[in-house]
Amino acid sequence: SNCQGKKEVVEVKPETPFVWEGANIYFLLTDRFNNADSSNDVN
């Protein structure tokens, strides 16, 4: 609804697939990353 009465074509894009060949992997040492439970620190 504008003064020119133009039509807009909206393209609904495909969902981005997950592709291992182009993934972004975060590598962490479980023991060194983040301590959220100090009750299990010593065993």
PDB file of all heavy atoms in Angstrom:
ATOM      1  N   SER A   1       0.839  -1.204   0.000  1.00  0.00           N
ATOM      2  CA  SER A   1       0.000   0.000   0.000  1.00  0.00           C
ATOM      3  C   SER A   1       0.870   1.247   0.000  1.00  0.00           C
ATOM      4  O   SER A   1       1.031   1.916   1.008  1.00  0.00           O
ATOM      5  CB  SER A   1      -0.906  -0.002   1.230  1.00  0.00           C
ATOM      6  OG  SER A   1      -0.143  -0.112   2.398  1.00  0.00           O
ATOM      7  N   ASN A   2       1.485   1.526  -1.156  1.00  0.00           N
ATOM      8  CA  ASN A   2       2.236   2.764  -1.285  1.00  0.00           C
ATOM      9  C   ASN A   2       1.744   3.505  -2.520  1.00  0.00           C
ATOM     10  O   ASN A   2       0.953   2.985  -3.307  1.00  0.00           O
ATOM     11  CB  ASN A   2       3.747   2.504  -1.346  1.00  0.00           C
ATOM     12  CG  ASN A   2       4.109   1.543  -2.447  1.00  0.00           C
ATOM     13  OD1 ASN A   2       3.467   1.516  -3.500  1.00  0.00           O
ATOM     14  ND2 ASN A   2       5.131   0.741  -2.213  1.00  0.00           N
ATOM     15  N   CYS A   3       2.221   4.682  -2.706  1.00  0.00           N
ATOM     16  CA  CYS A   3       1.676   5.529  -3.758  1.00  0.00           C
ATOM     17  C   CYS A   3       1.943   4.991  -5.144  1.00  0.00           C
ATOM     18  O   CYS A   3       1.202   5.266  -6.082  1.00  0.00           O
ATOM     19  CB  CYS A   3       2.214   6.960  -3.618  1.00  0.00           C
ATOM     20  SG  CYS A   3       4.009   7.054  -3.647  1.00  0.00           S
ATOM     21  N   GLN A   4       2.989   4.221  -5.305  1.00  0.00           N
ATOM     22  CA  GLN A   4       3.289   3.664  -6.615  1.00  0.00           C
ATOM     23  C   GLN A   4       2.521   2.375  -6.885  1.00  0.00           C
ATOM     24  O   GLN A   4       2.454   1.908  -8.018  1.00  0.00           O
ATOM     25  CB  GLN A   4       4.789   3.370  -6.763  1.00  0.00           C
ATOM     26  CG  GLN A   4       5.672   4.605  -6.875  1.00  0.00           C
ATOM     27  CD  GLN A   4       5.995   5.206  -5.520  1.00  0.00           C
ATOM     28  OE1 GLN A   4       5.791   4.558  -4.501  1.00  0.00           O
ATOM     29  NE2 GLN A   4       6.454   6.442  -5.497  1.00  0.00           N
ATOM     30  N   GLY A   5       1.990   1.749  -5.816  1.00  0.00           N
ATOM     31  CA  GLY A   5       1.278   0.488  -5.980  1.00  0.00           C
ATOM     32  C   GLY A   5       2.170  -0.618  -6.477  1.00  0.00           C
ATOM     33  O   GLY A   5       1.757  -1.487  -7.233  1.00  0.00           O
ATOM     34  N   LYS A   6       3.437  -0.629  -6.046  1.00  0.00           N
ATOM     35  CA  LYS A   6       4.387  -1.637  -6.511  1.00  0.00           C
ATOM     36  C   LYS A   6       4.144  -2.975  -5.826  1.00  0.00           C
ATOM     37  O   LYS A   6       3.585  -3.040  -4.739  1.00  0.00           O
ATOM     38  CB  LYS A   6       5.826  -1.193  -6.231  1.00  0.00           C
ATOM     39  CG  LYS A   6       6.279  -0.010  -7.056  1.00  0.00           C
ATOM     40  CD  LYS A   6       7.721   0.329  -6.718  1.00  0.00           C
ATOM     41  CE  LYS A   6       8.217   1.511  -7.531  1.00  0.00           C
ATOM     42  NZ  LYS A   6       9.604   1.880  -7.181  1.00  0.00           N
ATOM     43  N   LYS A   7       4.606  -4.031  -6.480  1.00  0.00           N
ATOM     44  CA  LYS A   7       4.569  -5.364  -5.885  1.00  0.00           C
ATOM     45  C   LYS A   7       5.966  -5.747  -5.448  1.00  0.00           C
ATOM     46  O   LYS A   7       6.926  -5.511  -6.168  1.00  0.00           O
ATOM     47  CB  LYS A   7       4.044  -6.390  -6.879  1.00  0.00           C
ATOM     48  CG  LYS A   7       2.570  -6.234  -7.215  1.00  0.00           C
ATOM     49  CD  LYS A   7       2.121  -7.339  -8.149  1.00  0.00           C
ATOM     50  CE  LYS A   7       0.636  -7.208  -8.454  1.00  0.00           C
ATOM     51  NZ  LYS A   7       0.181  -8.296  -9.358  1.00  0.00           N
ATOM     52  N   GLU A   8       6.044  -6.345  -4.266  1.00  0.00           N
ATOM     53  CA  GLU A   8       7.345  -6.810  -3.763  1.00  0.00           C
ATOM     54  C   GLU A   8       7.356  -8.328  -3.758  1.00  0.00           C
ATOM     55  O   GLU A   8       6.430  -8.969  -3.262  1.00  0.00           O
ATOM     56  CB  GLU A   8       7.600  -6.304  -2.344  1.00  0.00           C
ATOM     57  CG  GLU A   8       8.935  -6.752  -1.788  1.00  0.00           C
ATOM     58  CD  GLU A   8       9.202  -6.178  -0.410  1.00  0.00           C
ATOM     59  OE1 GLU A   8       8.769  -5.037  -0.148  1.00  0.00           O
ATOM     60  OE2 GLU A   8       9.820  -6.883   0.394  1.00  0.00           O
ATOM     61  N   VAL A   9       8.400  -8.905  -4.328  1.00  0.00           N
ATOM     62  CA  VAL A   9       8.547 -10.352  -4.338  1.00  0.00           C
ATOM     63  C   VAL A   9       9.472 -10.756  -3.192  1.00  0.00           C
ATOM     64  O   VAL A   9      10.616 -10.322  -3.133  1.00  0.00           O
ATOM     65  CB  VAL A   9       9.118 -10.855  -5.681  1.00  0.00           C
ATOM     66  CG1 VAL A   9       9.314 -12.364  -5.634  1.00  0.00           C
ATOM     67  CG2 VAL A   9       8.168 -10.481  -6.813  1.00  0.00           C
ATOM     68  N   VAL A  10       8.952 -11.550  -2.277  1.00  0.00           N
ATOM     69  CA  VAL A  10       9.724 -11.983  -1.121  1.00  0.00           C
ATOM     70  C   VAL A  10      10.166 -13.419  -1.348  1.00  0.00           C
ATOM     71  O   VAL A  10       9.348 -14.309  -1.565  1.00  0.00           O
ATOM     72  CB  VAL A  10       8.901 -11.895   0.178  1.00  0.00           C
ATOM     73  CG1 VAL A  10       9.736 -12.342   1.368  1.00  0.00           C
ATOM     74  CG2 VAL A  10       8.394 -10.475   0.377  1.00  0.00           C
ATOM     75  N   GLU A  11      11.466 -13.644  -1.292  1.00  0.00           N
ATOM     76  CA  GLU A  11      11.992 -14.992  -1.495  1.00  0.00           C
ATOM     77  C   GLU A  11      12.228 -15.655  -0.153  1.00  0.00           C
ATOM     78  O   GLU A  11      12.970 -15.155   0.686  1.00  0.00           O
ATOM     79  CB  GLU A  11      13.304 -14.933  -2.272  1.00  0.00           C
ATOM     80  CG  GLU A  11      13.886 -16.306  -2.563  1.00  0.00           C
ATOM     81  CD  GLU A  11      15.202 -16.233  -3.320  1.00  0.00           C
ATOM     82  OE1 GLU A  11      15.584 -15.139  -3.733  1.00  0.00           O
ATOM     83  OE2 GLU A  11      15.841 -17.288  -3.470  1.00  0.00           O
ATOM     84  N   VAL A  12      11.555 -16.777   0.061  1.00  0.00           N
ATOM     85  CA  VAL A  12      11.765 -17.554   1.282  1.00  0.00           C
ATOM     86  C   VAL A  12      12.865 -18.564   0.995  1.00  0.00           C
ATOM     87  O   VAL A  12      12.697 -19.496   0.225  1.00  0.00           O
ATOM     88  CB  VAL A  12      10.477 -18.275   1.713  1.00  0.00           C
ATOM     89  CG1 VAL A  12      10.719 -19.047   3.006  1.00  0.00           C
ATOM     90  CG2 VAL A  12       9.353 -17.261   1.906  1.00  0.00           C
ATOM     91  N   LYS A  13      14.010 -18.357   1.626  1.00  0.00           N
ATOM     92  CA  LYS A  13      15.188 -19.157   1.307  1.00  0.00           C
ATOM     93  C   LYS A  13      15.136 -20.531   1.974  1.00  0.00           C
ATOM     94  O   LYS A  13      14.526 -20.693   3.025  1.00  0.00           O
ATOM     95  CB  LYS A  13      16.452 -18.422   1.750  1.00  0.00           C
ATOM     96  CG  LYS A  13      16.673 -17.094   1.034  1.00  0.00           C
ATOM     97  CD  LYS A  13      17.934 -16.415   1.537  1.00  0.00           C
ATOM     98  CE  LYS A  13      18.159 -15.097   0.817  1.00  0.00           C
ATOM     99  NZ  LYS A  13      19.379 -14.405   1.293  1.00  0.00           N
ATOM    100  N   PRO A  14      15.791 -21.495   1.364  1.00  0.00           N
ATOM    101  CA  PRO A  14      15.873 -22.816   2.004  1.00  0.00           C
ATOM    102  C   PRO A  14      16.619 -22.733   3.331  1.00  0.00           C
ATOM    103  O   PRO A  14      17.465 -21.859   3.523  1.00  0.00           O
ATOM    104  CB  PRO A  14      16.662 -23.660   0.998  1.00  0.00           C
ATOM    105  CG  PRO A  14      16.644 -22.890  -0.273  1.00  0.00           C
ATOM    106  CD  PRO A  14      16.515 -21.451   0.097  1.00  0.00           C
ATOM    107  N   GLU A  15      16.282 -23.618   4.220  1.00  0.00           N
ATOM    108  CA  GLU A  15      16.993 -23.699   5.489  1.00  0.00           C
ATOM    109  C   GLU A  15      18.458 -24.040   5.221  1.00  0.00           C
ATOM    110  O   GLU A  15      18.774 -24.888   4.392  1.00  0.00           O
ATOM    111  CB  GLU A  15      16.359 -24.779   6.359  1.00  0.00           C
ATOM    112  CG  GLU A  15      17.004 -24.933   7.726  1.00  0.00           C
ATOM    113  CD  GLU A  15      16.352 -26.039   8.525  1.00  0.00           C
ATOM    114  OE1 GLU A  15      15.363 -26.613   8.029  1.00  0.00           O
ATOM    115  OE2 GLU A  15      16.849 -26.334   9.626  1.00  0.00           O
ATOM    116  N   THR A  16      19.359 -23.371   5.924  1.00  0.00           N
ATOM    117  CA  THR A  16      20.788 -23.628   5.746  1.00  0.00           C
ATOM    118  C   THR A  16      21.129 -25.023   6.252  1.00  0.00           C
ATOM    119  O   THR A  16      20.905 -25.337   7.427  1.00  0.00           O
ATOM    120  CB  THR A  16      21.629 -22.597   6.519  1.00  0.00           C
ATOM    121  OG1 THR A  16      21.297 -21.286   6.067  1.00  0.00           O
ATOM    122  CG2 THR A  16      23.118 -22.846   6.312  1.00  0.00           C
ATOM    123  N   PRO A  17      21.665 -25.885   5.396  1.00  0.00           N
ATOM    124  CA  PRO A  17      21.998 -27.239   5.843  1.00  0.00           C
ATOM    125  C   PRO A  17      23.263 -27.250   6.693  1.00  0.00           C
ATOM    126  O   PRO A  17      24.133 -26.374   6.557  1.00  0.00           O
ATOM    127  CB  PRO A  17      22.223 -27.990   4.526  1.00  0.00           C
ATOM    128  CG  PRO A  17      22.713 -26.934   3.583  1.00  0.00           C
ATOM    129  CD  PRO A  17      21.974 -25.678   3.966  1.00  0.00           C
ATOM    130  N   PHE A  18      23.356 -28.220   7.562  1.00  0.00           N
ATOM    131  CA  PHE A  18      24.603 -28.436   8.306  1.00  0.00           C
ATOM    132  C   PHE A  18      25.522 -29.289   7.439  1.00  0.00           C
ATOM    133  O   PHE A  18      25.146 -30.369   6.986  1.00  0.00           O
ATOM    134  CB  PHE A  18      24.332 -29.144   9.632  1.00  0.00           C
ATOM    135  CG  PHE A  18      25.583 -29.432  10.411  1.00  0.00           C
ATOM    136  CD1 PHE A  18      26.097 -28.501  11.294  1.00  0.00           C
ATOM    137  CD2 PHE A  18      26.270 -30.627  10.235  1.00  0.00           C
ATOM    138  CE1 PHE A  18      27.267 -28.755  12.000  1.00  0.00           C
ATOM    139  CE2 PHE A  18      27.434 -30.898  10.940  1.00  0.00           C
ATOM    140  CZ  PHE A  18      27.932 -29.953  11.819  1.00  0.00           C
ATOM    141  N   VAL A  19      26.736 -28.795   7.210  1.00  0.00           N
ATOM    142  CA  VAL A  19      27.691 -29.472   6.328  1.00  0.00           C
ATOM    143  C   VAL A  19      29.002 -29.652   7.086  1.00  0.00           C
ATOM    144  O   VAL A  19      29.676 -28.668   7.415  1.00  0.00           O
ATOM    145  CB  VAL A  19      27.933 -28.651   5.039  1.00  0.00           C
ATOM    146  CG1 VAL A  19      28.916 -29.369   4.120  1.00  0.00           C
ATOM    147  CG2 VAL A  19      26.617 -28.380   4.313  1.00  0.00           C
ATOM    148  N   TRP A  20      29.356 -30.909   7.379  1.00  0.00           N
ATOM    149  CA  TRP A  20      30.577 -31.154   8.154  1.00  0.00           C
ATOM    150  C   TRP A  20      31.810 -30.576   7.467  1.00  0.00           C
ATOM    151  O   TRP A  20      32.728 -30.084   8.137  1.00  0.00           O
ATOM    152  CB  TRP A  20      30.770 -32.657   8.378  1.00  0.00           C
ATOM    153  CG  TRP A  20      29.955 -33.215   9.506  1.00  0.00           C
ATOM    154  CD1 TRP A  20      28.901 -34.071   9.418  1.00  0.00           C
ATOM    155  CD2 TRP A  20      30.133 -32.954  10.910  1.00  0.00           C
ATOM    156  NE1 TRP A  20      28.404 -34.359  10.668  1.00  0.00           N
ATOM    157  CE2 TRP A  20      29.144 -33.696  11.604  1.00  0.00           C
ATOM    158  CE3 TRP A  20      31.028 -32.170  11.636  1.00  0.00           C
ATOM    159  CZ2 TRP A  20      29.032 -33.669  12.993  1.00  0.00           C
ATOM    160  CZ3 TRP A  20      30.917 -32.156  13.030  1.00  0.00           C
ATOM    161  CH2 TRP A  20      29.940 -32.887  13.682  1.00  0.00           C
ATOM    162  N   GLU A  21      31.848 -30.625   6.128  1.00  0.00           N
ATOM    163  CA  GLU A  21      33.032 -30.139   5.406  1.00  0.00           C
ATOM    164  C   GLU A  21      33.265 -28.642   5.611  1.00  0.00           C
ATOM    165  O   GLU A  21      34.358 -28.137   5.361  1.00  0.00           O
ATOM    166  CB  GLU A  21      32.901 -30.433   3.904  1.00  0.00           C
ATOM    167  CG  GLU A  21      32.929 -31.916   3.560  1.00  0.00           C
ATOM    168  CD  GLU A  21      31.573 -32.563   3.619  1.00  0.00           C
ATOM    169  OE1 GLU A  21      30.632 -31.960   4.184  1.00  0.00           O
ATOM    170  OE2 GLU A  21      31.429 -33.693   3.094  1.00  0.00           O
ATOM    171  N   GLY A  22      32.240 -27.927   6.056  1.00  0.00           N
ATOM    172  CA  GLY A  22      32.382 -26.493   6.290  1.00  0.00           C
ATOM    173  C   GLY A  22      32.024 -26.079   7.698  1.00  0.00           C
ATOM    174  O   GLY A  22      31.781 -24.898   7.962  1.00  0.00           O
ATOM    175  N   ALA A  23      31.993 -27.035   8.630  1.00  0.00           N
ATOM    176  CA  ALA A  23      31.575 -26.752  10.003  1.00  0.00           C
ATOM    177  C   ALA A  23      32.619 -25.920  10.749  1.00  0.00           C
ATOM    178  O   ALA A  23      33.775 -25.779  10.325  1.00  0.00           O
ATOM    179  CB  ALA A  23      31.322 -28.061  10.750  1.00  0.00           C
ATOM    180  N   ASN A  24      32.188 -25.359  11.879  1.00  0.00           N
ATOM    181  CA  ASN A  24      33.074 -24.604  12.765  1.00  0.00           C
ATOM    182  C   ASN A  24      33.055 -25.288  14.121  1.00  0.00           C
ATOM    183  O   ASN A  24      32.107 -25.147  14.895  1.00  0.00           O
ATOM    184  CB  ASN A  24      32.600 -23.153  12.881  1.00  0.00           C
ATOM    185  CG  ASN A  24      33.639 -22.242  13.517  1.00  0.00           C
ATOM    186  OD1 ASN A  24      34.833 -22.557  13.520  1.00  0.00           O
ATOM    187  ND2 ASN A  24      33.202 -21.115  14.040  1.00  0.00           N
ATOM    188  N   ILE A  25      34.097 -26.080  14.400  1.00  0.00           N
ATOM    189  CA  ILE A  25      34.145 -26.949  15.584  1.00  0.00           C
ATOM    190  C   ILE A  25      34.958 -26.286  16.695  1.00  0.00           C
ATOM    191  O   ILE A  25      36.075 -25.823  16.465  1.00  0.00           O
ATOM    192  CB  ILE A  25      34.776 -28.312  15.225  1.00  0.00           C
ATOM    193  CG1 ILE A  25      33.949 -29.010  14.128  1.00  0.00           C
ATOM    194  CG2 ILE A  25      34.882 -29.196  16.465  1.00  0.00           C
ATOM    195  CD1 ILE A  25      34.547 -30.323  13.643  1.00  0.00           C
ATOM    196  N   TYR A  26      34.395 -26.267  17.879  1.00  0.00           N
ATOM    197  CA  TYR A  26      35.084 -25.713  19.048  1.00  0.00           C
ATOM    198  C   TYR A  26      35.671 -26.866  19.851  1.00  0.00           C
ATOM    199  O   TYR A  26      34.952 -27.760  20.293  1.00  0.00           O
ATOM    200  CB  TYR A  26      34.095 -24.936  19.910  1.00  0.00           C
ATOM    201  CG  TYR A  26      34.714 -24.035  20.959  1.00  0.00           C
ATOM    202  CD1 TYR A  26      34.981 -22.698  20.679  1.00  0.00           C
ATOM    203  CD2 TYR A  26      34.997 -24.505  22.235  1.00  0.00           C
ATOM    204  CE1 TYR A  26      35.522 -21.848  21.643  1.00  0.00           C
ATOM    205  CE2 TYR A  26      35.538 -23.675  23.208  1.00  0.00           C
ATOM    206  CZ  TYR A  26      35.800 -22.341  22.905  1.00  0.00           C
ATOM    207  OH  TYR A  26      36.340 -21.503  23.869  1.00  0.00           O
ATOM    208  N   PHE A  27      36.986 -26.847  20.037  1.00  0.00           N
ATOM    209  CA  PHE A  27      37.681 -27.907  20.756  1.00  0.00           C
ATOM    210  C   PHE A  27      38.066 -27.412  22.137  1.00  0.00           C
ATOM    211  O   PHE A  27      38.744 -26.387  22.274  1.00  0.00           O
ATOM    212  CB  PHE A  27      38.916 -28.340  19.965  1.00  0.00           C
ATOM    213  CG  PHE A  27      39.834 -29.279  20.703  1.00  0.00           C
ATOM    214  CD1 PHE A  27      39.351 -30.246  21.570  1.00  0.00           C
ATOM    215  CD2 PHE A  27      41.203 -29.211  20.504  1.00  0.00           C
ATOM    216  CE1 PHE A  27      40.200 -31.107  22.242  1.00  0.00           C
ATOM    217  CE2 PHE A  27      42.072 -30.075  21.170  1.00  0.00           C
ATOM    218  CZ  PHE A  27      41.574 -31.017  22.042  1.00  0.00           C
ATOM    219  N   LEU A  28      37.635 -28.133  23.174  1.00  0.00           N
ATOM    220  CA  LEU A  28      37.943 -27.720  24.536  1.00  0.00           C
ATOM    221  C   LEU A  28      38.418 -28.891  25.383  1.00  0.00           C
ATOM    222  O   LEU A  28      38.031 -30.036  25.158  1.00  0.00           O
ATOM    223  CB  LEU A  28      36.719 -27.074  25.176  1.00  0.00           C
ATOM    224  CG  LEU A  28      35.431 -27.893  25.287  1.00  0.00           C
ATOM    225  CD1 LEU A  28      35.375 -28.695  26.592  1.00  0.00           C
ATOM    226  CD2 LEU A  28      34.205 -26.999  25.194  1.00  0.00           C
ATOM    227  N   LEU A  29      39.276 -28.583  26.343  1.00  0.00           N
ATOM    228  CA  LEU A  29      39.627 -29.542  27.388  1.00  0.00           C
ATOM    229  C   LEU A  29      38.551 -29.438  28.459  1.00  0.00           C
ATOM    230  O   LEU A  29      38.386 -28.377  29.080  1.00  0.00           O
ATOM    231  CB  LEU A  29      41.003 -29.239  27.985  1.00  0.00           C
ATOM    232  CG  LEU A  29      42.177 -30.043  27.397  1.00  0.00           C
ATOM    233  CD1 LEU A  29      42.476 -29.578  25.988  1.00  0.00           C
ATOM    234  CD2 LEU A  29      43.408 -29.923  28.281  1.00  0.00           C
ATOM    235  N   THR A  30      37.819 -30.512  28.649  1.00  0.00           N
ATOM    236  CA  THR A  30      36.683 -30.494  29.555  1.00  0.00           C
ATOM    237  C   THR A  30      37.079 -29.964  30.931  1.00  0.00           C
ATOM    238  O   THR A  30      36.353 -29.173  31.541  1.00  0.00           O
ATOM    239  CB  THR A  30      36.097 -31.911  29.689  1.00  0.00           C
ATOM    240  OG1 THR A  30      35.957 -32.485  28.377  1.00  0.00           O
ATOM    241  CG2 THR A  30      34.753 -31.882  30.364  1.00  0.00           C
ATOM    242  N   ASP A  31      38.241 -30.362  31.421  1.00  0.00           N
ATOM    243  CA  ASP A  31      38.682 -29.976  32.763  1.00  0.00           C
ATOM    244  C   ASP A  31      39.103 -28.512  32.856  1.00  0.00           C
ATOM    245  O   ASP A  31      39.186 -27.969  33.954  1.00  0.00           O
ATOM    246  CB  ASP A  31      39.859 -30.865  33.190  1.00  0.00           C
ATOM    247  CG  ASP A  31      40.403 -30.494  34.556  1.00  0.00           C
ATOM    248  OD1 ASP A  31      39.684 -30.694  35.549  1.00  0.00           O
ATOM    249  OD2 ASP A  31      41.535 -29.964  34.627  1.00  0.00           O
ATOM    250  N   ARG A  32      39.357 -27.868  31.737  1.00  0.00           N
ATOM    251  CA  ARG A  32      39.934 -26.523  31.775  1.00  0.00           C
ATOM    252  C   ARG A  32      38.978 -25.423  31.296  1.00  0.00           C
ATOM    253  O   ARG A  32      39.324 -24.246  31.325  1.00  0.00           O
ATOM    254  CB  ARG A  32      41.215 -26.488  30.926  1.00  0.00           C
ATOM    255  CG  ARG A  32      42.289 -27.464  31.422  1.00  0.00           C
ATOM    256  CD  ARG A  32      42.766 -27.049  32.811  1.00  0.00           C
ATOM    257  NE  ARG A  32      43.374 -28.103  33.572  1.00  0.00           N
ATOM    258  CZ  ARG A  32      44.659 -28.444  33.528  1.00  0.00           C
ATOM    259  NH1 ARG A  32      45.471 -27.841  32.697  1.00  0.00           N
ATOM    260  NH2 ARG A  32      45.124 -29.396  34.297  1.00  0.00           N
ATOM    261  N   PHE A  33      37.785 -25.808  30.837  1.00  0.00           N
ATOM    262  CA  PHE A  33      36.920 -24.823  30.184  1.00  0.00           C
ATOM    263  C   PHE A  33      36.064 -24.022  31.164  1.00  0.00           C
ATOM    264  O   PHE A  33      36.133 -22.798  31.193  1.00  0.00           O
ATOM    265  CB  PHE A  33      36.028 -25.530  29.155  1.00  0.00           C
ATOM    266  CG  PHE A  33      35.168 -24.591  28.355  1.00  0.00           C
ATOM    267  CD1 PHE A  33      35.742 -23.682  27.482  1.00  0.00           C
ATOM    268  CD2 PHE A  33      33.788 -24.623  28.486  1.00  0.00           C
ATOM    269  CE1 PHE A  33      34.957 -22.806  26.740  1.00  0.00           C
ATOM    270  CE2 PHE A  33      32.994 -23.751  27.750  1.00  0.00           C
ATOM    271  CZ  PHE A  33      33.577 -22.845  26.878  1.00  0.00           C
ATOM    272  N   ASN A  34      35.269 -24.704  31.972  1.00  0.00           N
ATOM    273  CA  ASN A  34      34.372 -23.969  32.867  1.00  0.00           C
ATOM    274  C   ASN A  34      33.914 -24.893  33.992  1.00  0.00           C
ATOM    275  O   ASN A  34      33.413 -25.980  33.745  1.00  0.00           O
ATOM    276  CB  ASN A  34      33.150 -23.456  32.088  1.00  0.00           C
ATOM    277  CG  ASN A  34      32.244 -22.581  32.933  1.00  0.00           C
ATOM    278  OD1 ASN A  34      32.697 -21.817  33.778  1.00  0.00           O
ATOM    279  ND2 ASN A  34      30.939 -22.685  32.712  1.00  0.00           N
ATOM    280  N   ASN A  35      34.055 -24.428  35.226  1.00  0.00           N
ATOM    281  CA  ASN A  35      33.674 -25.200  36.408  1.00  0.00           C
ATOM    282  C   ASN A  35      32.320 -24.718  36.906  1.00  0.00           C
ATOM    283  O   ASN A  35      32.212 -23.649  37.485  1.00  0.00           O
ATOM    284  CB  ASN A  35      34.732 -25.048  37.507  1.00  0.00           C
ATOM    285  CG  ASN A  35      34.459 -25.948  38.710  1.00  0.00           C
ATOM    286  OD1 ASN A  35      33.441 -26.627  38.781  1.00  0.00           O
ATOM    287  ND2 ASN A  35      35.385 -25.959  39.660  1.00  0.00           N
ATOM    288  N   ALA A  36      31.280 -25.511  36.651  1.00  0.00           N
ATOM    289  CA  ALA A  36      29.945 -25.134  37.091  1.00  0.00           C
ATOM    290  C   ALA A  36      29.482 -25.936  38.306  1.00  0.00           C
ATOM    291  O   ALA A  36      28.390 -25.705  38.819  1.00  0.00           O
ATOM    292  CB  ALA A  36      28.949 -25.313  35.950  1.00  0.00           C
ATOM    293  N   ASP A  37      30.302 -26.883  38.753  1.00  0.00           N
ATOM    294  CA  ASP A  37      29.920 -27.719  39.895  1.00  0.00           C
ATOM    295  C   ASP A  37      31.166 -28.053  40.696  1.00  0.00           C
ATOM    296  O   ASP A  37      31.869 -29.027  40.414  1.00  0.00           O
ATOM    297  CB  ASP A  37      29.230 -28.997  39.414  1.00  0.00           C
ATOM    298  CG  ASP A  37      28.718 -29.862  40.566  1.00  0.00           C
ATOM    299  OD1 ASP A  37      28.899 -29.464  41.737  1.00  0.00           O
ATOM    300  OD2 ASP A  37      28.157 -30.935  40.291  1.00  0.00           O
ATOM    301  N   SER A  38      31.441 -27.265  41.707  1.00  0.00           N
ATOM    302  CA  SER A  38      32.662 -27.464  42.499  1.00  0.00           C
ATOM    303  C   SER A  38      32.576 -28.696  43.392  1.00  0.00           C
ATOM    304  O   SER A  38      33.598 -29.156  43.916  1.00  0.00           O
ATOM    305  CB  SER A  38      32.940 -26.223  43.360  1.00  0.00           C
ATOM    306  OG  SER A  38      31.847 -25.970  44.233  1.00  0.00           O
ATOM    307  N   SER A  39      31.390 -29.283  43.531  1.00  0.00           N
ATOM    308  CA  SER A  39      31.246 -30.456  44.398  1.00  0.00           C
ATOM    309  C   SER A  39      31.925 -31.693  43.817  1.00  0.00           C
ATOM    310  O   SER A  39      32.158 -32.660  44.551  1.00  0.00           O
ATOM    311  CB  SER A  39      29.759 -30.754  44.641  1.00  0.00           C
ATOM    312  OG  SER A  39      29.129 -31.235  43.455  1.00  0.00           O
ATOM    313  N   ASN A  40      32.227 -31.690  42.506  1.00  0.00           N
ATOM    314  CA  ASN A  40      32.864 -32.869  41.905  1.00  0.00           C
ATOM    315  C   ASN A  40      34.338 -32.643  41.590  1.00  0.00           C
ATOM    316  O   ASN A  40      34.937 -33.398  40.820  1.00  0.00           O
ATOM    317  CB  ASN A  40      32.112 -33.296  40.628  1.00  0.00           C
ATOM    318  CG  ASN A  40      32.135 -32.226  39.533  1.00  0.00           C
ATOM    319  OD1 ASN A  40      32.938 -31.294  39.568  1.00  0.00           O
ATOM    320  ND2 ASN A  40      31.254 -32.363  38.552  1.00  0.00           N
ATOM    321  N   ASP A  41      34.950 -31.647  42.212  1.00  0.00           N
ATOM    322  CA  ASP A  41      36.326 -31.280  41.862  1.00  0.00           C
ATOM    323  C   ASP A  41      37.368 -32.291  42.307  1.00  0.00           C
ATOM    324  O   ASP A  41      38.449 -32.381  41.715  1.00  0.00           O
ATOM    325  CB  ASP A  41      36.677 -29.902  42.436  1.00  0.00           C
ATOM    326  CG  ASP A  41      35.985 -28.773  41.701  1.00  0.00           C
ATOM    327  OD1 ASP A  41      35.251 -29.064  40.731  1.00  0.00           O
ATOM    328  OD2 ASP A  41      36.156 -27.604  42.092  1.00  0.00           O
ATOM    329  N   VAL A  42      37.094 -33.057  43.369  1.00  0.00           N
ATOM    330  CA  VAL A  42      38.060 -34.032  43.877  1.00  0.00           C
ATOM    331  C   VAL A  42      37.382 -35.402  43.994  1.00  0.00           C
ATOM    332  O   VAL A  42      36.342 -35.528  44.647  1.00  0.00           O
ATOM    333  CB  VAL A  42      38.631 -33.621  45.250  1.00  0.00           C
ATOM    334  CG1 VAL A  42      39.614 -34.684  45.746  1.00  0.00           C
ATOM    335  CG2 VAL A  42      39.314 -32.263  45.170  1.00  0.00           C
ATOM    336  N   ASN A  43      37.969 -36.405  43.364  1.00  0.00           N
ATOM    337  CA  ASN A  43      37.471 -37.772  43.430  1.00  0.00           C
ATOM    338  C   ASN A  43      38.642 -38.744  43.523  1.00  0.00           C
ATOM    339  O   ASN A  43      39.752 -38.422  43.094  1.00  0.00           O
ATOM    340  CB  ASN A  43      36.627 -38.097  42.189  1.00  0.00           C
ATOM    341  CG  ASN A  43      35.332 -37.328  42.148  1.00  0.00           C
ATOM    342  OD1 ASN A  43      34.364 -37.669  42.818  1.00  0.00           O
ATOM    343  ND2 ASN A  43      35.317 -36.245  41.363  1.00  0.00           N
TER     344      ASN A  43
END
